[in-house]
Amino acid sequence: MPKKIDHDQRRRDIARAAISVIGEQGIDNTRLVDVARAANATTGTITHYFEDKDAVLLAALDHVAQNILFMLRSPDRPDDLVELASLILPLDEDSLRDWRVWMSFFGRAVGDPALARINKAYYDEFRDGLAAIIRRQQAEGRLSPGIDPAMTGDAIISIIDGFCIRATLEREEWPEHRQKAQLEAMLRPLLPKAEKRRSKGG
C-alpha cells in the first residue's frame, strides 16, 4: 500500500527549509536547489508544491509571520505584554534566523507593491492582535483605560522592529540581558496600569 503523504506538512517543511537558507545566505542568494537540499528533497518536489521560487519565498515569510500570530493568539501566552513581546526577540539561533528572513523582505517590498501589500497585511494583523489583548486587559481593570489600543499596538511593533533590527545586525553588542532591558525601558511606559479605586471610607 503506498505511503500516504501529508501535503500540508510537506509544504511547511519546504517553507522551514527556505527559512533556514534565507537566514544563512540572504534572500538574493537563495536558490531552489539550496532549498531542496535543506528540505532533503528534489527541485522537482519543490516545484510540485510551489509555482516558482517567489512562491517558496513567500511561504517562508508567511511561516515566520504565522509563528508571531500564533503567539499573540495562544491561550498560553504570557499575560504581561512586555514578557509576550520578549518572545520574539532575536535571542537564539531560531529567532535570529526568523528576523533575518523578515528583514530580507523589507528591501524587496520597497520596489514591489504586491509584496508591500502583503507586508502591510501582516503588520495590520500584528497590531490588531496586540490591540485585542490591550482591550481585554483594560476591560479586566489591569491596564489604564486611557491607552489607545490600536495606536499602542502600532507603537509596540515599531519599537520592536527598530531595536531588533539592530540586535540582529549587531548581535555581539546586543546580548539577551541588553535586549530585554531595552524592551522593558521602551515598552513599559506605554502600558500604565489601571489606577486602583479607593474605597469610600479610604
N, C-alpha and C. Protein backbone atom coordinates (compact mmCIF):
# COMPACT_ATOMS: atom_id res chain seq x y z
N MET A 1 0.84 -1.18 0.00
CA MET A 1 0.00 0.00 0.00
C MET A 1 0.89 1.25 0.00
N PRO A 2 0.67 2.19 -0.93
CA PRO A 2 1.53 3.37 -0.99
C PRO A 2 1.44 4.21 0.28
N LYS A 3 2.55 4.82 0.63
CA LYS A 3 2.60 5.64 1.83
C LYS A 3 1.79 6.92 1.62
N LYS A 4 0.93 7.25 2.57
CA LYS A 4 0.12 8.46 2.48
C LYS A 4 0.98 9.66 2.81
N ILE A 5 0.92 10.67 1.95
CA ILE A 5 1.72 11.88 2.12
C ILE A 5 0.86 13.01 2.68
N ASP A 6 1.37 13.65 3.71
CA ASP A 6 0.70 14.82 4.27
C ASP A 6 1.21 16.04 3.50
N HIS A 7 0.42 16.48 2.53
CA HIS A 7 0.89 17.54 1.63
C HIS A 7 1.05 18.87 2.36
N ASP A 8 0.16 19.17 3.29
CA ASP A 8 0.30 20.41 4.05
C ASP A 8 1.58 20.41 4.86
N GLN A 9 1.89 19.27 5.47
CA GLN A 9 3.12 19.16 6.24
C GLN A 9 4.34 19.30 5.34
N ARG A 10 4.23 18.74 4.13
CA ARG A 10 5.35 18.84 3.19
C ARG A 10 5.60 20.30 2.81
N ARG A 11 4.53 21.06 2.61
CA ARG A 11 4.68 22.49 2.30
C ARG A 11 5.33 23.22 3.46
N ARG A 12 4.91 22.88 4.68
CA ARG A 12 5.52 23.52 5.86
C ARG A 12 6.99 23.18 5.97
N ASP A 13 7.34 21.93 5.67
CA ASP A 13 8.74 21.52 5.72
C ASP A 13 9.58 22.30 4.71
N ILE A 14 9.03 22.50 3.53
CA ILE A 14 9.75 23.25 2.50
C ILE A 14 9.89 24.72 2.92
N ALA A 15 8.83 25.28 3.51
CA ALA A 15 8.90 26.67 3.99
C ALA A 15 9.97 26.81 5.07
N ARG A 16 10.03 25.84 5.98
CA ARG A 16 11.06 25.89 7.03
C ARG A 16 12.46 25.77 6.44
N ALA A 17 12.59 24.93 5.41
CA ALA A 17 13.89 24.80 4.75
C ALA A 17 14.28 26.12 4.09
N ALA A 18 13.32 26.79 3.47
CA ALA A 18 13.59 28.09 2.85
C ALA A 18 14.01 29.11 3.89
N ILE A 19 13.36 29.08 5.05
CA ILE A 19 13.74 29.99 6.15
C ILE A 19 15.19 29.77 6.54
N SER A 20 15.57 28.51 6.64
CA SER A 20 16.94 28.18 7.02
C SER A 20 17.95 28.72 6.01
N VAL A 21 17.63 28.56 4.73
CA VAL A 21 18.55 29.01 3.68
C VAL A 21 18.60 30.53 3.63
N ILE A 22 17.44 31.19 3.67
CA ILE A 22 17.41 32.65 3.62
C ILE A 22 18.16 33.22 4.82
N GLY A 23 17.96 32.61 5.99
CA GLY A 23 18.63 33.09 7.20
C GLY A 23 20.14 33.02 7.10
N GLU A 24 20.64 32.05 6.36
CA GLU A 24 22.09 31.87 6.23
C GLU A 24 22.67 32.64 5.05
N GLN A 25 21.95 32.66 3.93
CA GLN A 25 22.52 33.17 2.69
C GLN A 25 21.93 34.50 2.22
N GLY A 26 20.79 34.89 2.81
CA GLY A 26 20.10 36.07 2.32
C GLY A 26 19.16 35.69 1.18
N ILE A 27 18.16 36.54 0.98
CA ILE A 27 17.12 36.20 0.03
C ILE A 27 17.61 36.19 -1.42
N ASP A 28 18.53 37.10 -1.76
CA ASP A 28 19.00 37.19 -3.14
C ASP A 28 19.90 36.02 -3.52
N ASN A 29 20.52 35.39 -2.55
CA ASN A 29 21.41 34.27 -2.83
C ASN A 29 20.73 32.91 -2.64
N THR A 30 19.45 32.92 -2.34
CA THR A 30 18.72 31.67 -2.14
C THR A 30 18.25 31.10 -3.47
N ARG A 31 18.61 29.85 -3.73
CA ARG A 31 18.21 29.16 -4.95
C ARG A 31 17.32 27.98 -4.59
N LEU A 32 16.50 27.57 -5.55
CA LEU A 32 15.62 26.42 -5.30
C LEU A 32 16.42 25.18 -4.95
N VAL A 33 17.57 25.02 -5.59
CA VAL A 33 18.38 23.83 -5.30
C VAL A 33 18.86 23.84 -3.85
N ASP A 34 19.12 25.04 -3.30
CA ASP A 34 19.53 25.14 -1.90
C ASP A 34 18.38 24.77 -0.97
N VAL A 35 17.19 25.24 -1.32
CA VAL A 35 16.01 24.91 -0.51
C VAL A 35 15.73 23.41 -0.57
N ALA A 36 15.86 22.85 -1.77
CA ALA A 36 15.62 21.41 -1.93
C ALA A 36 16.60 20.61 -1.08
N ARG A 37 17.87 21.03 -1.09
CA ARG A 37 18.88 20.32 -0.31
C ARG A 37 18.56 20.42 1.19
N ALA A 38 18.16 21.60 1.64
CA ALA A 38 17.83 21.78 3.06
C ALA A 38 16.58 21.00 3.45
N ALA A 39 15.67 20.81 2.49
CA ALA A 39 14.44 20.08 2.77
C ALA A 39 14.59 18.58 2.54
N ASN A 40 15.81 18.17 2.15
CA ASN A 40 16.06 16.76 1.83
C ASN A 40 15.10 16.29 0.74
N ALA A 41 14.99 17.13 -0.30
CA ALA A 41 14.06 16.85 -1.40
C ALA A 41 14.74 17.20 -2.71
N THR A 42 14.01 17.03 -3.81
CA THR A 42 14.50 17.41 -5.12
C THR A 42 13.84 18.73 -5.54
N THR A 43 14.43 19.39 -6.52
CA THR A 43 13.81 20.62 -7.01
C THR A 43 12.45 20.30 -7.64
N GLY A 44 12.31 19.10 -8.19
CA GLY A 44 11.02 18.68 -8.73
C GLY A 44 9.96 18.62 -7.66
N THR A 45 10.35 18.17 -6.47
CA THR A 45 9.40 18.14 -5.35
C THR A 45 8.99 19.56 -4.97
N ILE A 46 9.96 20.48 -4.95
CA ILE A 46 9.65 21.87 -4.61
C ILE A 46 8.65 22.45 -5.60
N THR A 47 8.91 22.27 -6.89
CA THR A 47 8.02 22.86 -7.90
C THR A 47 6.69 22.13 -8.00
N HIS A 48 6.61 20.95 -7.43
CA HIS A 48 5.32 20.25 -7.36
C HIS A 48 4.39 20.97 -6.38
N TYR A 49 4.97 21.52 -5.31
CA TYR A 49 4.17 22.18 -4.27
C TYR A 49 4.08 23.69 -4.45
N PHE A 50 5.06 24.28 -5.12
CA PHE A 50 5.08 25.74 -5.28
C PHE A 50 5.33 26.09 -6.75
N GLU A 51 4.65 27.13 -7.19
CA GLU A 51 4.71 27.51 -8.60
C GLU A 51 6.11 27.92 -9.04
N ASP A 52 6.79 28.68 -8.19
CA ASP A 52 8.13 29.15 -8.55
C ASP A 52 8.88 29.54 -7.28
N LYS A 53 10.08 30.09 -7.47
CA LYS A 53 10.91 30.47 -6.33
C LYS A 53 10.23 31.53 -5.47
N ASP A 54 9.58 32.51 -6.10
CA ASP A 54 8.91 33.57 -5.33
C ASP A 54 7.84 32.99 -4.42
N ALA A 55 7.13 31.98 -4.88
CA ALA A 55 6.09 31.35 -4.06
C ALA A 55 6.72 30.66 -2.84
N VAL A 56 7.89 30.08 -3.03
CA VAL A 56 8.60 29.44 -1.90
C VAL A 56 9.02 30.51 -0.90
N LEU A 57 9.54 31.62 -1.40
CA LEU A 57 9.99 32.69 -0.51
C LEU A 57 8.83 33.29 0.27
N LEU A 58 7.69 33.46 -0.38
CA LEU A 58 6.51 33.98 0.31
C LEU A 58 6.01 32.99 1.37
N ALA A 59 6.15 31.71 1.09
CA ALA A 59 5.76 30.71 2.09
C ALA A 59 6.65 30.80 3.32
N ALA A 60 7.94 31.09 3.09
CA ALA A 60 8.86 31.27 4.22
C ALA A 60 8.46 32.49 5.05
N LEU A 61 8.15 33.59 4.37
CA LEU A 61 7.72 34.81 5.07
C LEU A 61 6.45 34.54 5.86
N ASP A 62 5.51 33.85 5.24
CA ASP A 62 4.24 33.57 5.92
C ASP A 62 4.46 32.69 7.14
N HIS A 63 5.38 31.74 7.05
CA HIS A 63 5.65 30.85 8.18
C HIS A 63 6.16 31.64 9.38
N VAL A 64 7.06 32.60 9.11
CA VAL A 64 7.58 33.44 10.19
C VAL A 64 6.46 34.28 10.79
N ALA A 65 5.64 34.89 9.93
CA ALA A 65 4.54 35.74 10.41
C ALA A 65 3.53 34.94 11.22
N GLN A 66 3.22 33.73 10.75
CA GLN A 66 2.23 32.91 11.46
C GLN A 66 2.73 32.48 12.83
N ASN A 67 4.04 32.30 12.97
CA ASN A 67 4.59 31.97 14.30
C ASN A 67 4.32 33.10 15.28
N ILE A 68 4.47 34.35 14.82
CA ILE A 68 4.21 35.51 15.69
C ILE A 68 2.73 35.60 16.01
N LEU A 69 1.89 35.42 15.00
CA LEU A 69 0.44 35.50 15.21
C LEU A 69 -0.03 34.40 16.15
N PHE A 70 0.59 33.23 16.06
CA PHE A 70 0.23 32.13 16.96
C PHE A 70 0.51 32.51 18.40
N MET A 71 1.66 33.18 18.63
CA MET A 71 1.99 33.60 19.99
C MET A 71 0.98 34.61 20.51
N LEU A 72 0.54 35.52 19.64
CA LEU A 72 -0.43 36.54 20.06
C LEU A 72 -1.78 35.93 20.40
N ARG A 73 -2.14 34.85 19.73
CA ARG A 73 -3.46 34.26 19.89
C ARG A 73 -3.49 33.08 20.85
N SER A 74 -2.34 32.60 21.24
CA SER A 74 -2.29 31.40 22.08
C SER A 74 -2.89 31.66 23.47
N PRO A 75 -3.72 30.75 23.97
CA PRO A 75 -4.25 30.91 25.32
C PRO A 75 -3.17 30.76 26.39
N ASP A 76 -2.02 30.22 26.01
CA ASP A 76 -0.93 30.02 26.97
C ASP A 76 0.10 31.15 26.94
N ARG A 77 -0.21 32.23 26.20
CA ARG A 77 0.74 33.33 26.10
C ARG A 77 0.88 34.02 27.46
N PRO A 78 2.03 34.68 27.71
CA PRO A 78 2.18 35.43 28.96
C PRO A 78 1.15 36.55 29.05
N ASP A 79 0.67 36.82 30.26
CA ASP A 79 -0.29 37.91 30.45
C ASP A 79 0.37 39.27 30.28
N ASP A 80 1.62 39.38 30.69
CA ASP A 80 2.32 40.65 30.62
C ASP A 80 2.77 40.91 29.18
N LEU A 81 2.40 42.07 28.64
CA LEU A 81 2.69 42.37 27.24
C LEU A 81 4.19 42.52 26.95
N VAL A 82 4.93 43.02 27.91
CA VAL A 82 6.37 43.14 27.71
C VAL A 82 7.00 41.75 27.66
N GLU A 83 6.55 40.87 28.53
CA GLU A 83 7.04 39.49 28.52
C GLU A 83 6.65 38.80 27.22
N LEU A 84 5.43 39.06 26.75
CA LEU A 84 4.99 38.48 25.49
C LEU A 84 5.86 38.96 24.33
N ALA A 85 6.13 40.26 24.30
CA ALA A 85 6.97 40.82 23.24
C ALA A 85 8.37 40.23 23.26
N SER A 86 8.85 39.89 24.45
CA SER A 86 10.21 39.35 24.56
C SER A 86 10.36 38.00 23.87
N LEU A 87 9.23 37.33 23.61
CA LEU A 87 9.29 36.01 22.98
C LEU A 87 9.75 36.08 21.54
N ILE A 88 9.68 37.25 20.91
CA ILE A 88 10.11 37.34 19.52
C ILE A 88 11.45 38.06 19.36
N LEU A 89 12.11 38.36 20.45
CA LEU A 89 13.44 38.96 20.35
C LEU A 89 14.42 37.96 19.72
N PRO A 90 15.43 38.47 19.01
CA PRO A 90 16.43 37.56 18.43
C PRO A 90 17.44 37.08 19.46
N LEU A 91 16.97 36.20 20.34
CA LEU A 91 17.79 35.76 21.47
C LEU A 91 18.54 34.45 21.20
N ASP A 92 18.03 33.65 20.26
CA ASP A 92 18.68 32.38 19.96
C ASP A 92 18.77 32.21 18.45
N GLU A 93 19.31 31.08 18.03
CA GLU A 93 19.55 30.88 16.60
C GLU A 93 18.26 30.88 15.79
N ASP A 94 17.21 30.27 16.34
CA ASP A 94 15.95 30.19 15.61
C ASP A 94 15.32 31.57 15.42
N SER A 95 15.23 32.34 16.51
CA SER A 95 14.62 33.66 16.41
C SER A 95 15.49 34.63 15.60
N LEU A 96 16.80 34.47 15.70
CA LEU A 96 17.71 35.30 14.90
C LEU A 96 17.53 35.01 13.42
N ARG A 97 17.38 33.75 13.09
CA ARG A 97 17.13 33.35 11.70
C ARG A 97 15.81 33.94 11.19
N ASP A 98 14.78 33.87 12.03
CA ASP A 98 13.48 34.42 11.63
C ASP A 98 13.57 35.92 11.37
N TRP A 99 14.32 36.63 12.20
CA TRP A 99 14.48 38.07 11.98
C TRP A 99 15.25 38.35 10.70
N ARG A 100 16.24 37.54 10.39
CA ARG A 100 16.97 37.72 9.13
C ARG A 100 16.04 37.53 7.93
N VAL A 101 15.15 36.55 8.04
CA VAL A 101 14.18 36.32 6.96
C VAL A 101 13.25 37.52 6.83
N TRP A 102 12.73 37.98 7.97
CA TRP A 102 11.79 39.11 7.96
C TRP A 102 12.46 40.35 7.36
N MET A 103 13.69 40.61 7.77
CA MET A 103 14.40 41.77 7.26
C MET A 103 14.72 41.65 5.78
N SER A 104 14.93 40.42 5.30
CA SER A 104 15.26 40.21 3.89
C SER A 104 14.15 40.68 2.96
N PHE A 105 12.92 40.65 3.46
CA PHE A 105 11.79 41.04 2.63
C PHE A 105 11.55 42.55 2.62
N PHE A 106 12.13 43.27 3.58
CA PHE A 106 11.92 44.72 3.63
C PHE A 106 12.38 45.40 2.34
N GLY A 107 13.62 45.09 1.93
CA GLY A 107 14.17 45.71 0.73
C GLY A 107 13.35 45.40 -0.50
N ARG A 108 12.90 44.18 -0.59
CA ARG A 108 12.09 43.79 -1.76
C ARG A 108 10.75 44.53 -1.77
N ALA A 109 10.18 44.73 -0.59
CA ALA A 109 8.86 45.37 -0.53
C ALA A 109 8.90 46.82 -1.01
N VAL A 110 10.07 47.46 -0.90
CA VAL A 110 10.20 48.85 -1.34
C VAL A 110 9.86 48.98 -2.82
N GLY A 111 10.33 48.05 -3.64
CA GLY A 111 10.11 48.13 -5.07
C GLY A 111 9.06 47.17 -5.60
N ASP A 112 8.33 46.52 -4.70
CA ASP A 112 7.33 45.52 -5.12
C ASP A 112 6.01 45.82 -4.42
N PRO A 113 5.09 46.52 -5.11
CA PRO A 113 3.82 46.90 -4.48
C PRO A 113 3.03 45.71 -3.94
N ALA A 114 3.06 44.58 -4.63
CA ALA A 114 2.32 43.40 -4.17
C ALA A 114 2.89 42.90 -2.85
N LEU A 115 4.22 42.85 -2.76
CA LEU A 115 4.85 42.41 -1.52
C LEU A 115 4.64 43.42 -0.41
N ALA A 116 4.63 44.71 -0.76
CA ALA A 116 4.37 45.75 0.23
C ALA A 116 2.96 45.58 0.82
N ARG A 117 2.00 45.21 -0.01
CA ARG A 117 0.64 44.99 0.49
C ARG A 117 0.58 43.78 1.41
N ILE A 118 1.32 42.73 1.05
CA ILE A 118 1.37 41.54 1.91
C ILE A 118 2.00 41.89 3.25
N ASN A 119 3.09 42.65 3.20
CA ASN A 119 3.78 43.06 4.42
C ASN A 119 2.86 43.88 5.32
N LYS A 120 2.12 44.81 4.71
CA LYS A 120 1.19 45.65 5.48
C LYS A 120 0.10 44.80 6.12
N ALA A 121 -0.38 43.80 5.40
CA ALA A 121 -1.44 42.94 5.94
C ALA A 121 -0.96 42.21 7.19
N TYR A 122 0.30 41.75 7.17
CA TYR A 122 0.84 41.10 8.37
C TYR A 122 0.91 42.09 9.53
N TYR A 123 1.40 43.30 9.25
CA TYR A 123 1.51 44.29 10.32
C TYR A 123 0.15 44.68 10.87
N ASP A 124 -0.85 44.74 10.00
CA ASP A 124 -2.21 45.02 10.48
C ASP A 124 -2.68 43.92 11.43
N GLU A 125 -2.36 42.68 11.10
CA GLU A 125 -2.76 41.56 11.97
C GLU A 125 -2.01 41.62 13.30
N PHE A 126 -0.72 41.95 13.24
CA PHE A 126 0.05 42.07 14.49
C PHE A 126 -0.57 43.15 15.38
N ARG A 127 -0.85 44.32 14.78
CA ARG A 127 -1.42 45.43 15.54
C ARG A 127 -2.78 45.06 16.12
N ASP A 128 -3.63 44.44 15.30
CA ASP A 128 -4.96 44.07 15.77
C ASP A 128 -4.89 43.04 16.89
N GLY A 129 -3.92 42.12 16.80
CA GLY A 129 -3.75 41.13 17.86
C GLY A 129 -3.34 41.77 19.17
N LEU A 130 -2.39 42.71 19.11
CA LEU A 130 -1.97 43.42 20.31
C LEU A 130 -3.09 44.29 20.86
N ALA A 131 -3.81 44.96 19.97
CA ALA A 131 -4.91 45.82 20.40
C ALA A 131 -5.99 45.02 21.12
N ALA A 132 -6.26 43.81 20.64
CA ALA A 132 -7.27 42.96 21.28
C ALA A 132 -6.84 42.58 22.69
N ILE A 133 -5.55 42.29 22.87
CA ILE A 133 -5.04 41.96 24.21
C ILE A 133 -5.15 43.17 25.13
N ILE A 134 -4.80 44.35 24.60
CA ILE A 134 -4.88 45.57 25.41
C ILE A 134 -6.32 45.84 25.83
N ARG A 135 -7.26 45.73 24.90
CA ARG A 135 -8.67 45.96 25.23
C ARG A 135 -9.15 44.98 26.30
N ARG A 136 -8.73 43.75 26.18
CA ARG A 136 -9.15 42.73 27.15
C ARG A 136 -8.62 43.08 28.53
N GLN A 137 -7.37 43.50 28.60
CA GLN A 137 -6.79 43.83 29.90
C GLN A 137 -7.37 45.13 30.46
N GLN A 138 -7.78 46.03 29.59
CA GLN A 138 -8.49 47.23 30.06
C GLN A 138 -9.84 46.84 30.65
N ALA A 139 -10.55 45.95 29.98
CA ALA A 139 -11.85 45.51 30.47
C ALA A 139 -11.72 44.78 31.81
N GLU A 140 -10.57 44.14 32.02
CA GLU A 140 -10.33 43.42 33.27
C GLU A 140 -9.80 44.35 34.36
N GLY A 141 -9.60 45.64 34.04
CA GLY A 141 -9.12 46.59 35.02
C GLY A 141 -7.64 46.49 35.30
N ARG A 142 -6.88 45.95 34.35
CA ARG A 142 -5.45 45.76 34.55
C ARG A 142 -4.62 46.85 33.89
N LEU A 143 -5.09 47.37 32.77
CA LEU A 143 -4.39 48.46 32.08
C LEU A 143 -5.25 49.71 32.09
N SER A 144 -4.59 50.84 32.04
CA SER A 144 -5.29 52.13 32.08
C SER A 144 -6.28 52.25 30.93
N PRO A 145 -7.48 52.73 31.19
CA PRO A 145 -8.45 52.94 30.12
C PRO A 145 -8.06 54.06 29.18
N GLY A 146 -7.05 54.86 29.57
CA GLY A 146 -6.61 55.95 28.72
C GLY A 146 -5.72 55.52 27.56
N ILE A 147 -5.32 54.25 27.54
CA ILE A 147 -4.48 53.75 26.45
C ILE A 147 -5.32 53.58 25.19
N ASP A 148 -4.80 54.05 24.07
CA ASP A 148 -5.45 53.79 22.78
C ASP A 148 -4.91 52.45 22.27
N PRO A 149 -5.74 51.41 22.21
CA PRO A 149 -5.24 50.06 21.88
C PRO A 149 -4.54 49.96 20.53
N ALA A 150 -5.16 50.51 19.47
CA ALA A 150 -4.56 50.38 18.14
C ALA A 150 -3.26 51.19 18.04
N MET A 151 -3.29 52.42 18.56
CA MET A 151 -2.09 53.26 18.50
C MET A 151 -0.95 52.64 19.31
N THR A 152 -1.28 52.10 20.46
CA THR A 152 -0.26 51.47 21.30
C THR A 152 0.27 50.20 20.65
N GLY A 153 -0.62 49.45 20.00
CA GLY A 153 -0.17 48.26 19.28
C GLY A 153 0.83 48.61 18.20
N ASP A 154 0.54 49.68 17.44
CA ASP A 154 1.48 50.12 16.41
C ASP A 154 2.80 50.59 17.01
N ALA A 155 2.72 51.28 18.15
CA ALA A 155 3.94 51.76 18.81
C ALA A 155 4.81 50.59 19.27
N ILE A 156 4.17 49.57 19.84
CA ILE A 156 4.92 48.39 20.29
C ILE A 156 5.63 47.73 19.12
N ILE A 157 4.94 47.58 18.01
CA ILE A 157 5.53 46.96 16.82
C ILE A 157 6.70 47.78 16.31
N SER A 158 6.54 49.11 16.26
CA SER A 158 7.61 49.97 15.75
C SER A 158 8.84 49.90 16.63
N ILE A 159 8.64 49.86 17.93
CA ILE A 159 9.75 49.76 18.87
C ILE A 159 10.49 48.44 18.69
N ILE A 160 9.74 47.35 18.64
CA ILE A 160 10.35 46.03 18.49
C ILE A 160 11.12 45.96 17.17
N ASP A 161 10.49 46.42 16.09
CA ASP A 161 11.16 46.41 14.79
C ASP A 161 12.48 47.17 14.85
N GLY A 162 12.43 48.37 15.41
CA GLY A 162 13.59 49.24 15.40
C GLY A 162 14.81 48.64 16.07
N PHE A 163 14.68 48.26 17.34
CA PHE A 163 15.89 47.81 18.01
C PHE A 163 16.22 46.35 17.73
N CYS A 164 15.23 45.56 17.29
CA CYS A 164 15.54 44.17 16.94
C CYS A 164 16.30 44.08 15.62
N ILE A 165 16.09 45.04 14.73
CA ILE A 165 16.91 45.09 13.52
C ILE A 165 18.36 45.31 13.91
N ARG A 166 18.60 46.24 14.83
CA ARG A 166 19.97 46.48 15.30
C ARG A 166 20.51 45.24 16.01
N ALA A 167 19.68 44.63 16.84
CA ALA A 167 20.14 43.46 17.59
C ALA A 167 20.48 42.29 16.67
N THR A 168 19.80 42.23 15.53
CA THR A 168 20.09 41.18 14.56
C THR A 168 21.38 41.46 13.80
N LEU A 169 21.58 42.71 13.42
CA LEU A 169 22.78 43.08 12.66
C LEU A 169 24.01 43.25 13.55
N GLU A 170 23.79 43.61 14.82
CA GLU A 170 24.89 43.84 15.75
C GLU A 170 24.80 42.84 16.91
N ARG A 171 24.80 41.59 16.54
CA ARG A 171 24.47 40.54 17.51
C ARG A 171 25.34 40.56 18.76
N GLU A 172 26.63 40.73 18.58
CA GLU A 172 27.54 40.68 19.72
C GLU A 172 27.32 41.83 20.70
N GLU A 173 26.82 42.95 20.20
CA GLU A 173 26.61 44.11 21.05
C GLU A 173 25.24 44.09 21.74
N TRP A 174 24.40 43.13 21.36
CA TRP A 174 23.06 43.06 21.93
C TRP A 174 22.80 41.68 22.54
N PRO A 175 23.46 41.36 23.65
CA PRO A 175 23.19 40.09 24.33
C PRO A 175 21.78 40.10 24.92
N GLU A 176 21.36 38.96 25.39
CA GLU A 176 19.98 38.80 25.88
C GLU A 176 19.61 39.83 26.94
N HIS A 177 20.48 40.06 27.92
CA HIS A 177 20.12 40.98 29.01
C HIS A 177 19.93 42.40 28.49
N ARG A 178 20.72 42.81 27.49
CA ARG A 178 20.55 44.16 26.95
C ARG A 178 19.25 44.26 26.16
N GLN A 179 18.94 43.25 25.38
CA GLN A 179 17.69 43.27 24.61
C GLN A 179 16.48 43.37 25.54
N LYS A 180 16.47 42.57 26.59
CA LYS A 180 15.32 42.57 27.49
C LYS A 180 15.22 43.86 28.28
N ALA A 181 16.37 44.40 28.68
CA ALA A 181 16.36 45.67 29.40
C ALA A 181 15.87 46.80 28.50
N GLN A 182 16.30 46.79 27.24
CA GLN A 182 15.86 47.82 26.30
C GLN A 182 14.37 47.71 26.04
N LEU A 183 13.88 46.49 25.90
CA LEU A 183 12.45 46.27 25.67
C LEU A 183 11.64 46.79 26.85
N GLU A 184 12.08 46.48 28.04
CA GLU A 184 11.40 46.93 29.26
C GLU A 184 11.37 48.46 29.32
N ALA A 185 12.50 49.08 29.04
CA ALA A 185 12.59 50.55 29.13
C ALA A 185 11.70 51.24 28.11
N MET A 186 11.52 50.63 26.96
CA MET A 186 10.78 51.30 25.89
C MET A 186 9.28 50.98 25.91
N LEU A 187 8.93 49.78 26.34
CA LEU A 187 7.52 49.40 26.30
C LEU A 187 6.75 49.68 27.59
N ARG A 188 7.40 49.55 28.72
CA ARG A 188 6.68 49.68 29.99
C ARG A 188 5.96 51.03 30.13
N PRO A 189 6.58 52.15 29.72
CA PRO A 189 5.87 53.43 29.86
C PRO A 189 4.61 53.52 28.99
N LEU A 190 4.52 52.70 27.96
CA LEU A 190 3.33 52.72 27.09
C LEU A 190 2.15 51.97 27.70
N LEU A 191 2.41 51.23 28.79
CA LEU A 191 1.40 50.32 29.33
C LEU A 191 1.12 50.59 30.81
N PRO A 192 0.67 51.81 31.13
CA PRO A 192 0.39 52.10 32.54
C PRO A 192 -0.76 51.24 33.06
N LYS A 193 -0.62 50.83 34.29
CA LYS A 193 -1.68 50.01 34.90
C LYS A 193 -2.86 50.89 35.28
N ALA A 194 -4.01 50.26 35.36
CA ALA A 194 -5.20 50.99 35.78
C ALA A 194 -5.05 51.41 37.23
N GLU A 195 -5.52 52.60 37.56
CA GLU A 195 -5.46 53.07 38.94
C GLU A 195 -6.47 52.30 39.77
N LYS A 196 -6.04 51.94 40.97
CA LYS A 196 -6.95 51.23 41.86
C LYS A 196 -7.95 52.21 42.47
N ARG A 197 -9.17 51.82 42.44
CA ARG A 197 -10.21 52.69 43.01
C ARG A 197 -10.16 52.67 44.53
N ARG A 198 -10.23 53.86 45.08
CA ARG A 198 -10.23 53.94 46.54
C ARG A 198 -11.65 53.68 47.08
N SER A 199 -11.66 53.00 48.20
CA SER A 199 -12.97 52.76 48.83
C SER A 199 -13.51 54.07 49.41
N LYS A 200 -14.79 54.14 49.59
CA LYS A 200 -15.41 55.37 50.09
C LYS A 200 -14.87 55.77 51.45
N GLY A 201 -14.50 54.81 52.23
CA GLY A 201 -14.01 55.14 53.57
C GLY A 201 -12.52 55.42 53.60
N GLY A 202 -11.86 55.24 52.42
CA GLY A 202 -10.40 55.38 52.39
C GLY A 202 -9.94 56.80 52.18
